[in-house]
Amino acid sequence: MNPVQMVGTVLTTIDTTLSRSDFVRSDPEWQQLYALRKHLDDQQRELVVSTVNFENDRYKPLVEQISAANTQITSFIDNPSQVANVVHESARLAASLDELLRLTYIEPEPKDKDPITTKKGPRRP
């Protein structure tokens, strides 16, 4: 499973947790988890448009961290008393994704110099 799919699994897990009838929206953990869910959703969108080869050795440690967090989060879903752990692991996952996205960010190429001006001075049309 690649990081995009792992984040999708986590989002489903978080959605299931957030929709529990015994987990009220006024609960600070609910609000924290909801905010993390929105952040993870944004990160997943960024990963979808990236052209990263997740098999590349450069990314493997982060992909392994993402996988470990994914496993932890999905293991907590059956235990409502583990919400704090879901929040903690979701934050770890988001941090790993932030690092992965930082590594995959490619600086945009500088725009061409002003076509009218060059180092030699202004060009005449």
PDB file of N, CA and C in Angstrom:
ATOM      1  N   MET A   1       0.850  -1.176   0.000  1.00  0.00           N
ATOM      2  CA  MET A   1       0.000   0.000   0.000  1.00  0.00           C
ATOM      3  C   MET A   1       0.896   1.240   0.000  1.00  0.00           C
ATOM      4  N   ASN A   2       0.596   2.179  -0.865  1.00  0.00           N
ATOM      5  CA  ASN A   2       1.405   3.403  -0.917  1.00  0.00           C
ATOM      6  C   ASN A   2       0.857   4.432   0.081  1.00  0.00           C
ATOM      7  N   PRO A   3       1.611   5.520   0.346  1.00  0.00           N
ATOM      8  CA  PRO A   3       1.161   6.513   1.330  1.00  0.00           C
ATOM      9  C   PRO A   3      -0.210   7.122   1.043  1.00  0.00           C
ATOM     10  N   VAL A   4      -0.551   7.300  -0.217  1.00  0.00           N
ATOM     11  CA  VAL A   4      -1.867   7.860  -0.547  1.00  0.00           C
ATOM     12  C   VAL A   4      -2.964   6.915  -0.042  1.00  0.00           C
ATOM     13  N   GLN A   5      -2.792   5.624  -0.289  1.00  0.00           N
ATOM     14  CA  GLN A   5      -3.772   4.636   0.165  1.00  0.00           C
ATOM     15  C   GLN A   5      -3.789   4.539   1.687  1.00  0.00           C
ATOM     16  N   MET A   6      -2.604   4.614   2.311  1.00  0.00           N
ATOM     17  CA  MET A   6      -2.537   4.551   3.772  1.00  0.00           C
ATOM     18  C   MET A   6      -3.290   5.717   4.400  1.00  0.00           C
ATOM     19  N   VAL A   7      -3.108   6.897   3.846  1.00  0.00           N
ATOM     20  CA  VAL A   7      -3.812   8.064   4.376  1.00  0.00           C
ATOM     21  C   VAL A   7      -5.322   7.877   4.182  1.00  0.00           C
ATOM     22  N   GLY A   8      -5.715   7.307   3.073  1.00  0.00           N
ATOM     23  CA  GLY A   8      -7.136   7.025   2.848  1.00  0.00           C
ATOM     24  C   GLY A   8      -7.702   6.093   3.902  1.00  0.00           C
ATOM     25  N   THR A   9      -6.944   5.068   4.254  1.00  0.00           N
ATOM     26  CA  THR A   9      -7.361   4.138   5.310  1.00  0.00           C
ATOM     27  C   THR A   9      -7.496   4.864   6.646  1.00  0.00           C
ATOM     28  N   VAL A  10      -6.528   5.709   6.945  1.00  0.00           N
ATOM     29  CA  VAL A  10      -6.559   6.473   8.196  1.00  0.00           C
ATOM     30  C   VAL A  10      -7.756   7.419   8.210  1.00  0.00           C
ATOM     31  N   LEU A  11      -8.026   8.081   7.095  1.00  0.00           N
ATOM     32  CA  LEU A  11      -9.167   8.999   7.035  1.00  0.00           C
ATOM     33  C   LEU A  11     -10.480   8.256   7.303  1.00  0.00           C
ATOM     34  N   THR A  12     -10.594   7.059   6.758  1.00  0.00           N
ATOM     35  CA  THR A  12     -11.789   6.245   7.011  1.00  0.00           C
ATOM     36  C   THR A  12     -11.882   5.883   8.486  1.00  0.00           C
ATOM     37  N   THR A  13     -10.752   5.523   9.076  1.00  0.00           N
ATOM     38  CA  THR A  13     -10.718   5.194  10.501  1.00  0.00           C
ATOM     39  C   THR A  13     -11.115   6.390  11.354  1.00  0.00           C
ATOM     40  N   ILE A  14     -10.566   7.542  11.013  1.00  0.00           N
ATOM     41  CA  ILE A  14     -10.894   8.762  11.762  1.00  0.00           C
ATOM     42  C   ILE A  14     -12.371   9.108  11.587  1.00  0.00           C
ATOM     43  N   ASP A  15     -12.881   8.977  10.371  1.00  0.00           N
ATOM     44  CA  ASP A  15     -14.303   9.261  10.138  1.00  0.00           C
ATOM     45  C   ASP A  15     -15.182   8.355  10.996  1.00  0.00           C
ATOM     46  N   THR A  16     -14.813   7.088  11.081  1.00  0.00           N
ATOM     47  CA  THR A  16     -15.565   6.142  11.905  1.00  0.00           C
ATOM     48  C   THR A  16     -15.519   6.559  13.372  1.00  0.00           C
ATOM     49  N   THR A  17     -14.351   6.986  13.826  1.00  0.00           N
ATOM     50  CA  THR A  17     -14.192   7.422  15.212  1.00  0.00           C
ATOM     51  C   THR A  17     -15.009   8.681  15.480  1.00  0.00           C
ATOM     52  N   LEU A  18     -14.926   9.646  14.570  1.00  0.00           N
ATOM     53  CA  LEU A  18     -15.647  10.902  14.751  1.00  0.00           C
ATOM     54  C   LEU A  18     -17.166  10.719  14.738  1.00  0.00           C
ATOM     55  N   SER A  19     -17.644   9.710  14.044  1.00  0.00           N
ATOM     56  CA  SER A  19     -19.088   9.521  13.918  1.00  0.00           C
ATOM     57  C   SER A  19     -19.692   8.656  15.033  1.00  0.00           C
ATOM     58  N   ARG A  20     -18.867   8.205  15.961  1.00  0.00           N
ATOM     59  CA  ARG A  20     -19.401   7.408  17.079  1.00  0.00           C
ATOM     60  C   ARG A  20     -20.399   8.244  17.871  1.00  0.00           C
ATOM     61  N   SER A  21     -21.477   7.626  18.269  1.00  0.00           N
ATOM     62  CA  SER A  21     -22.526   8.359  18.998  1.00  0.00           C
ATOM     63  C   SER A  21     -22.071   8.810  20.387  1.00  0.00           C
ATOM     64  N   ASP A  22     -21.110   8.119  20.968  1.00  0.00           N
ATOM     65  CA  ASP A  22     -20.640   8.493  22.311  1.00  0.00           C
ATOM     66  C   ASP A  22     -19.500   9.509  22.282  1.00  0.00           C
ATOM     67  N   PHE A  23     -19.144   9.973  21.102  1.00  0.00           N
ATOM     68  CA  PHE A  23     -18.035  10.925  20.944  1.00  0.00           C
ATOM     69  C   PHE A  23     -18.635  12.247  20.487  1.00  0.00           C
ATOM     70  N   VAL A  24     -18.854  13.150  21.412  1.00  0.00           N
ATOM     71  CA  VAL A  24     -19.573  14.396  21.117  1.00  0.00           C
ATOM     72  C   VAL A  24     -18.639  15.463  20.540  1.00  0.00           C
ATOM     73  N   ARG A  25     -19.210  16.291  19.718  1.00  0.00           N
ATOM     74  CA  ARG A  25     -18.431  17.325  19.029  1.00  0.00           C
ATOM     75  C   ARG A  25     -17.830  18.363  19.965  1.00  0.00           C
ATOM     76  N   SER A  26     -18.400  18.524  21.125  1.00  0.00           N
ATOM     77  CA  SER A  26     -17.856  19.514  22.063  1.00  0.00           C
ATOM     78  C   SER A  26     -16.627  18.984  22.810  1.00  0.00           C
ATOM     79  N   ASP A  27     -16.353  17.708  22.677  1.00  0.00           N
ATOM     80  CA  ASP A  27     -15.188  17.099  23.321  1.00  0.00           C
ATOM     81  C   ASP A  27     -13.916  17.642  22.652  1.00  0.00           C
ATOM     82  N   PRO A  28     -12.951  18.144  23.436  1.00  0.00           N
ATOM     83  CA  PRO A  28     -11.713  18.671  22.852  1.00  0.00           C
ATOM     84  C   PRO A  28     -10.972  17.645  21.985  1.00  0.00           C
ATOM     85  N   GLU A  29     -11.025  16.367  22.350  1.00  0.00           N
ATOM     86  CA  GLU A  29     -10.361  15.347  21.530  1.00  0.00           C
ATOM     87  C   GLU A  29     -11.056  15.201  20.181  1.00  0.00           C
ATOM     88  N   TRP A  30     -12.394  15.339  20.162  1.00  0.00           N
ATOM     89  CA  TRP A  30     -13.124  15.272  18.905  1.00  0.00           C
ATOM     90  C   TRP A  30     -12.652  16.410  18.000  1.00  0.00           C
ATOM     91  N   GLN A  31     -12.577  17.609  18.568  1.00  0.00           N
ATOM     92  CA  GLN A  31     -12.173  18.782  17.796  1.00  0.00           C
ATOM     93  C   GLN A  31     -10.738  18.654  17.291  1.00  0.00           C
ATOM     94  N   GLN A  32      -9.869  18.126  18.152  1.00  0.00           N
ATOM     95  CA  GLN A  32      -8.472  17.921  17.745  1.00  0.00           C
ATOM     96  C   GLN A  32      -8.386  16.904  16.608  1.00  0.00           C
ATOM     97  N   LEU A  33      -9.115  15.812  16.754  1.00  0.00           N
ATOM     98  CA  LEU A  33      -9.094  14.770  15.735  1.00  0.00           C
ATOM     99  C   LEU A  33      -9.698  15.274  14.421  1.00  0.00           C
ATOM    100  N   TYR A  34     -10.737  16.078  14.508  1.00  0.00           N
ATOM    101  CA  TYR A  34     -11.351  16.643  13.309  1.00  0.00           C
ATOM    102  C   TYR A  34     -10.356  17.559  12.581  1.00  0.00           C
ATOM    103  N   ALA A  35      -9.650  18.379  13.336  1.00  0.00           N
ATOM    104  CA  ALA A  35      -8.653  19.273  12.726  1.00  0.00           C
ATOM    105  C   ALA A  35      -7.542  18.460  12.061  1.00  0.00           C
ATOM    106  N   LEU A  36      -7.099  17.399  12.719  1.00  0.00           N
ATOM    107  CA  LEU A  36      -6.076  16.531  12.122  1.00  0.00           C
ATOM    108  C   LEU A  36      -6.605  15.851  10.867  1.00  0.00           C
ATOM    109  N   ARG A  37      -7.869  15.455  10.899  1.00  0.00           N
ATOM    110  CA  ARG A  37      -8.469  14.800   9.745  1.00  0.00           C
ATOM    111  C   ARG A  37      -8.452  15.735   8.535  1.00  0.00           C
ATOM    112  N   LYS A  38      -8.806  16.999   8.752  1.00  0.00           N
ATOM    113  CA  LYS A  38      -8.798  17.980   7.661  1.00  0.00           C
ATOM    114  C   LYS A  38      -7.370  18.166   7.121  1.00  0.00           C
ATOM    115  N   HIS A  39      -6.408  18.217   8.023  1.00  0.00           N
ATOM    116  CA  HIS A  39      -5.012  18.385   7.611  1.00  0.00           C
ATOM    117  C   HIS A  39      -4.539  17.161   6.812  1.00  0.00           C
ATOM    118  N   LEU A  40      -4.871  15.966   7.285  1.00  0.00           N
ATOM    119  CA  LEU A  40      -4.487  14.746   6.576  1.00  0.00           C
ATOM    120  C   LEU A  40      -5.143  14.688   5.193  1.00  0.00           C
ATOM    121  N   ASP A  41      -6.379  15.144   5.095  1.00  0.00           N
ATOM    122  CA  ASP A  41      -7.073  15.161   3.818  1.00  0.00           C
ATOM    123  C   ASP A  41      -6.348  16.082   2.831  1.00  0.00           C
ATOM    124  N   ASP A  42      -5.927  17.247   3.316  1.00  0.00           N
ATOM    125  CA  ASP A  42      -5.165  18.175   2.473  1.00  0.00           C
ATOM    126  C   ASP A  42      -3.839  17.551   2.034  1.00  0.00           C
ATOM    127  N   GLN A  43      -3.183  16.875   2.962  1.00  0.00           N
ATOM    128  CA  GLN A  43      -1.908  16.235   2.634  1.00  0.00           C
ATOM    129  C   GLN A  43      -2.106  15.139   1.596  1.00  0.00           C
ATOM    130  N   GLN A  44      -3.183  14.375   1.738  1.00  0.00           N
ATOM    131  CA  GLN A  44      -3.442  13.323   0.769  1.00  0.00           C
ATOM    132  C   GLN A  44      -3.635  13.911  -0.624  1.00  0.00           C
ATOM    133  N   ARG A  45      -4.338  15.022  -0.712  1.00  0.00           N
ATOM    134  CA  ARG A  45      -4.526  15.676  -2.014  1.00  0.00           C
ATOM    135  C   ARG A  45      -3.187  16.088  -2.620  1.00  0.00           C
ATOM    136  N   GLU A  46      -2.296  16.604  -1.776  1.00  0.00           N
ATOM    137  CA  GLU A  46      -0.966  16.993  -2.272  1.00  0.00           C
ATOM    138  C   GLU A  46      -0.186  15.778  -2.755  1.00  0.00           C
ATOM    139  N   LEU A  47      -0.300  14.662  -2.021  1.00  0.00           N
ATOM    140  CA  LEU A  47       0.399  13.444  -2.430  1.00  0.00           C
ATOM    141  C   LEU A  47      -0.128  12.915  -3.754  1.00  0.00           C
ATOM    142  N   VAL A  48      -1.438  13.023  -3.957  1.00  0.00           N
ATOM    143  CA  VAL A  48      -2.041  12.519  -5.188  1.00  0.00           C
ATOM    144  C   VAL A  48      -1.451  13.213  -6.412  1.00  0.00           C
ATOM    145  N   VAL A  49      -1.226  14.504  -6.318  1.00  0.00           N
ATOM    146  CA  VAL A  49      -0.702  15.232  -7.488  1.00  0.00           C
ATOM    147  C   VAL A  49       0.820  15.183  -7.592  1.00  0.00           C
ATOM    148  N   SER A  50       1.472  14.680  -6.552  1.00  0.00           N
ATOM    149  CA  SER A  50       2.937  14.585  -6.629  1.00  0.00           C
ATOM    150  C   SER A  50       3.321  13.429  -7.543  1.00  0.00           C
ATOM    151  N   THR A  51       4.516  13.504  -8.060  1.00  0.00           N
ATOM    152  CA  THR A  51       4.995  12.448  -8.954  1.00  0.00           C
ATOM    153  C   THR A  51       6.143  11.696  -8.291  1.00  0.00           C
ATOM    154  N   VAL A  52       5.952  11.371  -7.024  1.00  0.00           N
ATOM    155  CA  VAL A  52       7.015  10.753  -6.243  1.00  0.00           C
ATOM    156  C   VAL A  52       6.991   9.243  -6.406  1.00  0.00           C
ATOM    157  N   ASN A  53       8.164   8.674  -6.560  1.00  0.00           N
ATOM    158  CA  ASN A  53       8.312   7.230  -6.532  1.00  0.00           C
ATOM    159  C   ASN A  53       8.578   6.847  -5.076  1.00  0.00           C
ATOM    160  N   PHE A  54       7.567   6.343  -4.402  1.00  0.00           N
ATOM    161  CA  PHE A  54       7.682   6.056  -2.980  1.00  0.00           C
ATOM    162  C   PHE A  54       8.630   4.897  -2.680  1.00  0.00           C
ATOM    163  N   GLU A  55       9.074   4.198  -3.716  1.00  0.00           N
ATOM    164  CA  GLU A  55      10.044   3.115  -3.544  1.00  0.00           C
ATOM    165  C   GLU A  55      11.475   3.642  -3.462  1.00  0.00           C
ATOM    166  N   ASN A  56      11.667   4.894  -3.806  1.00  0.00           N
ATOM    167  CA  ASN A  56      12.983   5.520  -3.778  1.00  0.00           C
ATOM    168  C   ASN A  56      13.538   5.482  -2.350  1.00  0.00           C
ATOM    169  N   ASP A  57      14.809   5.127  -2.216  1.00  0.00           N
ATOM    170  CA  ASP A  57      15.446   5.030  -0.897  1.00  0.00           C
ATOM    171  C   ASP A  57      15.351   6.326  -0.102  1.00  0.00           C
ATOM    172  N   ARG A  58      15.283   7.435  -0.793  1.00  0.00           N
ATOM    173  CA  ARG A  58      15.203   8.737  -0.126  1.00  0.00           C
ATOM    174  C   ARG A  58      13.942   8.837   0.743  1.00  0.00           C
ATOM    175  N   TYR A  59      12.866   8.192   0.290  1.00  0.00           N
ATOM    176  CA  TYR A  59      11.577   8.321   0.975  1.00  0.00           C
ATOM    177  C   TYR A  59      11.234   7.127   1.873  1.00  0.00           C
ATOM    178  N   LYS A  60      11.980   6.034   1.751  1.00  0.00           N
ATOM    179  CA  LYS A  60      11.616   4.802   2.470  1.00  0.00           C
ATOM    180  C   LYS A  60      11.455   4.986   3.978  1.00  0.00           C
ATOM    181  N   PRO A  61      12.359   5.677   4.677  1.00  0.00           N
ATOM    182  CA  PRO A  61      12.160   5.828   6.129  1.00  0.00           C
ATOM    183  C   PRO A  61      10.848   6.528   6.471  1.00  0.00           C
ATOM    184  N   LEU A  62      10.484   7.522   5.697  1.00  0.00           N
ATOM    185  CA  LEU A  62       9.226   8.226   5.953  1.00  0.00           C
ATOM    186  C   LEU A  62       8.026   7.359   5.605  1.00  0.00           C
ATOM    187  N   VAL A  63       8.121   6.602   4.531  1.00  0.00           N
ATOM    188  CA  VAL A  63       7.028   5.701   4.166  1.00  0.00           C
ATOM    189  C   VAL A  63       6.850   4.643   5.258  1.00  0.00           C
ATOM    190  N   GLU A  64       7.952   4.182   5.843  1.00  0.00           N
ATOM    191  CA  GLU A  64       7.856   3.213   6.941  1.00  0.00           C
ATOM    192  C   GLU A  64       7.195   3.842   8.168  1.00  0.00           C
ATOM    193  N   GLN A  65       7.516   5.104   8.467  1.00  0.00           N
ATOM    194  CA  GLN A  65       6.865   5.801   9.588  1.00  0.00           C
ATOM    195  C   GLN A  65       5.372   5.966   9.317  1.00  0.00           C
ATOM    196  N   ILE A  66       5.038   6.283   8.097  1.00  0.00           N
ATOM    197  CA  ILE A  66       3.631   6.441   7.720  1.00  0.00           C
ATOM    198  C   ILE A  66       2.901   5.113   7.864  1.00  0.00           C
ATOM    199  N   SER A  67       3.544   4.051   7.433  1.00  0.00           N
ATOM    200  CA  SER A  67       2.951   2.724   7.541  1.00  0.00           C
ATOM    201  C   SER A  67       2.737   2.318   9.002  1.00  0.00           C
ATOM    202  N   ALA A  68       3.722   2.604   9.855  1.00  0.00           N
ATOM    203  CA  ALA A  68       3.601   2.265  11.283  1.00  0.00           C
ATOM    204  C   ALA A  68       2.457   3.044  11.929  1.00  0.00           C
ATOM    205  N   ALA A  69       2.347   4.327  11.605  1.00  0.00           N
ATOM    206  CA  ALA A  69       1.259   5.137  12.161  1.00  0.00           C
ATOM    207  C   ALA A  69      -0.091   4.630  11.660  1.00  0.00           C
ATOM    208  N   ASN A  70      -0.142   4.261  10.394  1.00  0.00           N
ATOM    209  CA  ASN A  70      -1.361   3.709   9.806  1.00  0.00           C
ATOM    210  C   ASN A  70      -1.794   2.451  10.565  1.00  0.00           C
ATOM    211  N   THR A  71      -0.856   1.561  10.832  1.00  0.00           N
ATOM    212  CA  THR A  71      -1.151   0.325  11.557  1.00  0.00           C
ATOM    213  C   THR A  71      -1.665   0.625  12.959  1.00  0.00           C
ATOM    214  N   GLN A  72      -1.001   1.547  13.646  1.00  0.00           N
ATOM    215  CA  GLN A  72      -1.415   1.905  15.001  1.00  0.00           C
ATOM    216  C   GLN A  72      -2.823   2.494  15.016  1.00  0.00           C
ATOM    217  N   ILE A  73      -3.071   3.418  14.127  1.00  0.00           N
ATOM    218  CA  ILE A  73      -4.376   4.086  14.105  1.00  0.00           C
ATOM    219  C   ILE A  73      -5.489   3.090  13.824  1.00  0.00           C
ATOM    220  N   THR A  74      -5.298   2.233  12.837  1.00  0.00           N
ATOM    221  CA  THR A  74      -6.350   1.277  12.505  1.00  0.00           C
ATOM    222  C   THR A  74      -6.548   0.241  13.610  1.00  0.00           C
ATOM    223  N   SER A  75      -5.517  -0.001  14.415  1.00  0.00           N
ATOM    224  CA  SER A  75      -5.680  -0.956  15.524  1.00  0.00           C
ATOM    225  C   SER A  75      -6.494  -0.369  16.671  1.00  0.00           C
ATOM    226  N   PHE A  76      -6.567   0.956  16.759  1.00  0.00           N
ATOM    227  CA  PHE A  76      -7.304   1.606  17.841  1.00  0.00           C
ATOM    228  C   PHE A  76      -8.793   1.753  17.555  1.00  0.00           C
ATOM    229  N   ILE A  77      -9.215   1.544  16.329  1.00  0.00           N
ATOM    230  CA  ILE A  77     -10.581   1.853  15.933  1.00  0.00           C
ATOM    231  C   ILE A  77     -11.615   1.054  16.721  1.00  0.00           C
ATOM    232  N   ASP A  78     -11.297  -0.152  17.110  1.00  0.00           N
ATOM    233  CA  ASP A  78     -12.268  -0.988  17.818  1.00  0.00           C
ATOM    234  C   ASP A  78     -12.360  -0.678  19.299  1.00  0.00           C
ATOM    235  N   ASN A  79     -11.536   0.228  19.784  1.00  0.00           N
ATOM    236  CA  ASN A  79     -11.511   0.517  21.214  1.00  0.00           C
ATOM    237  C   ASN A  79     -11.770   2.007  21.445  1.00  0.00           C
ATOM    238  N   PRO A  80     -13.005   2.358  21.810  1.00  0.00           N
ATOM    239  CA  PRO A  80     -13.348   3.775  21.995  1.00  0.00           C
ATOM    240  C   PRO A  80     -12.496   4.489  23.038  1.00  0.00           C
ATOM    241  N   SER A  81     -11.909   3.760  23.959  1.00  0.00           N
ATOM    242  CA  SER A  81     -11.093   4.412  24.986  1.00  0.00           C
ATOM    243  C   SER A  81      -9.718   4.829  24.457  1.00  0.00           C
ATOM    244  N   GLN A  82      -9.437   4.523  23.223  1.00  0.00           N
ATOM    245  CA  GLN A  82      -8.129   4.810  22.631  1.00  0.00           C
ATOM    246  C   GLN A  82      -8.100   6.098  21.791  1.00  0.00           C
ATOM    247  N   VAL A  83      -9.085   6.953  21.981  1.00  0.00           N
ATOM    248  CA  VAL A  83      -9.164   8.178  21.172  1.00  0.00           C
ATOM    249  C   VAL A  83      -7.895   9.014  21.321  1.00  0.00           C
ATOM    250  N   ALA A  84      -7.373   9.122  22.528  1.00  0.00           N
ATOM    251  CA  ALA A  84      -6.146   9.910  22.732  1.00  0.00           C
ATOM    252  C   ALA A  84      -5.002   9.334  21.903  1.00  0.00           C
ATOM    253  N   ASN A  85      -4.951   8.022  21.796  1.00  0.00           N
ATOM    254  CA  ASN A  85      -3.906   7.391  20.978  1.00  0.00           C
ATOM    255  C   ASN A  85      -4.125   7.642  19.493  1.00  0.00           C
ATOM    256  N   VAL A  86      -5.390   7.663  19.075  1.00  0.00           N
ATOM    257  CA  VAL A  86      -5.685   7.968  17.672  1.00  0.00           C
ATOM    258  C   VAL A  86      -5.226   9.393  17.358  1.00  0.00           C
ATOM    259  N   VAL A  87      -5.499  10.321  18.272  1.00  0.00           N
ATOM    260  CA  VAL A  87      -5.068  11.712  18.084  1.00  0.00           C
ATOM    261  C   VAL A  87      -3.546  11.774  18.010  1.00  0.00           C
ATOM    262  N   HIS A  88      -2.873  11.100  18.937  1.00  0.00           N
ATOM    263  CA  HIS A  88      -1.408  11.117  18.975  1.00  0.00           C
ATOM    264  C   HIS A  88      -0.812  10.532  17.695  1.00  0.00           C
ATOM    265  N   GLU A  89      -1.293   9.373  17.293  1.00  0.00           N
ATOM    266  CA  GLU A  89      -0.748   8.721  16.092  1.00  0.00           C
ATOM    267  C   GLU A  89      -1.092   9.509  14.829  1.00  0.00           C
ATOM    268  N   SER A  90      -2.260  10.137  14.815  1.00  0.00           N
ATOM    269  CA  SER A  90      -2.636  10.963  13.655  1.00  0.00           C
ATOM    270  C   SER A  90      -1.704  12.161  13.535  1.00  0.00           C
ATOM    271  N   ALA A  91      -1.331  12.731  14.676  1.00  0.00           N
ATOM    272  CA  ALA A  91      -0.377  13.850  14.667  1.00  0.00           C
ATOM    273  C   ALA A  91       0.991  13.380  14.174  1.00  0.00           C
ATOM    274  N   ARG A  92       1.411  12.197  14.599  1.00  0.00           N
ATOM    275  CA  ARG A  92       2.687  11.638  14.112  1.00  0.00           C
ATOM    276  C   ARG A  92       2.633  11.399  12.612  1.00  0.00           C
ATOM    277  N   LEU A  93       1.511  10.861  12.158  1.00  0.00           N
ATOM    278  CA  LEU A  93       1.334  10.621  10.726  1.00  0.00           C
ATOM    279  C   LEU A  93       1.413  11.931   9.952  1.00  0.00           C
ATOM    280  N   ALA A  94       0.722  12.956  10.440  1.00  0.00           N
ATOM    281  CA  ALA A  94       0.732  14.255   9.763  1.00  0.00           C
ATOM    282  C   ALA A  94       2.145  14.825   9.704  1.00  0.00           C
ATOM    283  N   ALA A  95       2.909  14.662  10.784  1.00  0.00           N
ATOM    284  CA  ALA A  95       4.294  15.161  10.801  1.00  0.00           C
ATOM    285  C   ALA A  95       5.146  14.419   9.763  1.00  0.00           C
ATOM    286  N   SER A  96       4.968  13.107   9.666  1.00  0.00           N
ATOM    287  CA  SER A  96       5.725  12.330   8.670  1.00  0.00           C
ATOM    288  C   SER A  96       5.330  12.747   7.259  1.00  0.00           C
ATOM    289  N   LEU A  97       4.044  12.970   7.042  1.00  0.00           N
ATOM    290  CA  LEU A  97       3.587  13.409   5.721  1.00  0.00           C
ATOM    291  C   LEU A  97       4.107  14.802   5.390  1.00  0.00           C
ATOM    292  N   ASP A  98       4.137  15.670   6.388  1.00  0.00           N
ATOM    293  CA  ASP A  98       4.701  17.007   6.159  1.00  0.00           C
ATOM    294  C   ASP A  98       6.153  16.903   5.701  1.00  0.00           C
ATOM    295  N   GLU A  99       6.908  16.034   6.349  1.00  0.00           N
ATOM    296  CA  GLU A  99       8.321  15.843   5.982  1.00  0.00           C
ATOM    297  C   GLU A  99       8.429  15.257   4.575  1.00  0.00           C
ATOM    298  N   LEU A 100       7.602  14.271   4.270  1.00  0.00           N
ATOM    299  CA  LEU A 100       7.621  13.664   2.940  1.00  0.00           C
ATOM    300  C   LEU A 100       7.280  14.708   1.880  1.00  0.00           C
ATOM    301  N   LEU A 101       6.267  15.489   2.132  1.00  0.00           N
ATOM    302  CA  LEU A 101       5.884  16.523   1.165  1.00  0.00           C
ATOM    303  C   LEU A 101       6.964  17.591   1.032  1.00  0.00           C
ATOM    304  N   ARG A 102       7.633  17.894   2.144  1.00  0.00           N
ATOM    305  CA  ARG A 102       8.731  18.866   2.083  1.00  0.00           C
ATOM    306  C   ARG A 102       9.848  18.341   1.181  1.00  0.00           C
ATOM    307  N   LEU A 103      10.149  17.054   1.292  1.00  0.00           N
ATOM    308  CA  LEU A 103      11.200  16.454   0.464  1.00  0.00           C
ATOM    309  C   LEU A 103      10.801  16.377  -1.004  1.00  0.00           C
ATOM    310  N   THR A 104       9.521  16.263  -1.265  1.00  0.00           N
ATOM    311  CA  THR A 104       9.081  16.111  -2.650  1.00  0.00           C
ATOM    312  C   THR A 104       8.811  17.441  -3.326  1.00  0.00           C
ATOM    313  N   TYR A 105       8.806  18.519  -2.548  1.00  0.00           N
ATOM    314  CA  TYR A 105       8.528  19.825  -3.132  1.00  0.00           C
ATOM    315  C   TYR A 105       9.660  20.217  -4.068  1.00  0.00           C
ATOM    316  N   ILE A 106       9.294  20.626  -5.229  1.00  0.00           N
ATOM    317  CA  ILE A 106      10.277  21.071  -6.222  1.00  0.00           C
ATOM    318  C   ILE A 106      10.086  22.571  -6.401  1.00  0.00           C
ATOM    319  N   GLU A 107      11.172  23.284  -6.209  1.00  0.00           N
ATOM    320  CA  GLU A 107      11.119  24.735  -6.402  1.00  0.00           C
ATOM    321  C   GLU A 107      10.685  25.026  -7.826  1.00  0.00           C
ATOM    322  N   PRO A 108       9.768  25.950  -7.989  1.00  0.00           N
ATOM    323  CA  PRO A 108       9.403  26.311  -9.360  1.00  0.00           C
ATOM    324  C   PRO A 108      10.591  26.956 -10.060  1.00  0.00           C
ATOM    325  N   GLU A 109      10.694  26.691 -11.334  1.00  0.00           N
ATOM    326  CA  GLU A 109      11.782  27.282 -12.102  1.00  0.00           C
ATOM    327  C   GLU A 109      11.574  28.784 -12.137  1.00  0.00           C
ATOM    328  N   PRO A 110      12.667  29.521 -12.036  1.00  0.00           N
ATOM    329  CA  PRO A 110      12.508  30.975 -12.091  1.00  0.00           C
ATOM    330  C   PRO A 110      11.928  31.377 -13.433  1.00  0.00           C
ATOM    331  N   LYS A 111      11.092  32.358 -13.379  1.00  0.00           N
ATOM    332  CA  LYS A 111      10.507  32.849 -14.620  1.00  0.00           C
ATOM    333  C   LYS A 111      11.620  33.476 -15.450  1.00  0.00           C
ATOM    334  N   ASP A 112      11.402  33.463 -16.748  1.00  0.00           N
ATOM    335  CA  ASP A 112      12.387  34.098 -17.629  1.00  0.00           C
ATOM    336  C   ASP A 112      12.570  35.544 -17.204  1.00  0.00           C
ATOM    337  N   LYS A 113      13.763  35.988 -17.459  1.00  0.00           N
ATOM    338  CA  LYS A 113      14.033  37.390 -17.165  1.00  0.00           C
ATOM    339  C   LYS A 113      13.119  38.258 -18.014  1.00  0.00           C
ATOM    340  N   ASP A 114      12.985  39.434 -17.578  1.00  0.00           N
ATOM    341  CA  ASP A 114      12.172  40.394 -18.321  1.00  0.00           C
ATOM    342  C   ASP A 114      12.666  40.397 -19.773  1.00  0.00           C
ATOM    343  N   PRO A 115      11.784  40.103 -20.718  1.00  0.00           N
ATOM    344  CA  PRO A 115      12.230  40.013 -22.113  1.00  0.00           C
ATOM    345  C   PRO A 115      12.740  41.334 -22.667  1.00  0.00           C
ATOM    346  N   ILE A 116      12.411  42.399 -22.036  1.00  0.00           N
ATOM    347  CA  ILE A 116      12.850  43.703 -22.531  1.00  0.00           C
ATOM    348  C   ILE A 116      14.245  44.032 -22.003  1.00  0.00           C
ATOM    349  N   THR A 117      14.543  43.545 -20.787  1.00  0.00           N
ATOM    350  CA  THR A 117      15.803  43.908 -20.168  1.00  0.00           C
ATOM    351  C   THR A 117      16.711  42.697 -20.081  1.00  0.00           C
ATOM    352  N   THR A 118      17.956  42.859 -20.424  1.00  0.00           N
ATOM    353  CA  THR A 118      18.960  41.815 -20.262  1.00  0.00           C
ATOM    354  C   THR A 118      20.145  42.420 -19.541  1.00  0.00           C
ATOM    355  N   LYS A 119      21.170  41.620 -19.281  1.00  0.00           N
ATOM    356  CA  LYS A 119      22.370  42.150 -18.617  1.00  0.00           C
ATOM    357  C   LYS A 119      23.044  43.220 -19.469  1.00  0.00           C
ATOM    358  N   LYS A 120      22.842  43.144 -20.760  1.00  0.00           N
ATOM    359  CA  LYS A 120      23.473  44.095 -21.663  1.00  0.00           C
ATOM    360  C   LYS A 120      22.697  45.412 -21.724  1.00  0.00           C
ATOM    361  N   GLY A 121      21.575  45.443 -21.077  1.00  0.00           N
ATOM    362  CA  GLY A 121      20.761  46.650 -21.130  1.00  0.00           C
ATOM    363  C   GLY A 121      19.469  46.374 -21.857  1.00  0.00           C
ATOM    364  N   PRO A 122      18.639  47.393 -22.003  1.00  0.00           N
ATOM    365  CA  PRO A 122      17.351  47.187 -22.643  1.00  0.00           C
ATOM    366  C   PRO A 122      17.507  46.791 -24.119  1.00  0.00           C
ATOM    367  N   ARG A 123      16.631  45.869 -24.515  1.00  0.00           N
ATOM    368  CA  ARG A 123      16.585  45.487 -25.925  1.00  0.00           C
ATOM    369  C   ARG A 123      15.574  46.367 -26.632  1.00  0.00           C
ATOM    370  N   ARG A 124      15.887  46.654 -27.861  1.00  0.00           N
ATOM    371  CA  ARG A 124      14.940  47.432 -28.643  1.00  0.00           C
ATOM    372  C   ARG A 124      14.147  46.484 -29.513  1.00  0.00           C
ATOM    373  N   PRO A 125      12.857  46.756 -29.600  1.00  0.00           N
ATOM    374  CA  PRO A 125      12.010  45.870 -30.431  1.00  0.00           C
ATOM    375  C   PRO A 125      12.327  45.965 -31.892  1.00  0.00           C
TER     376      PRO A 125
END
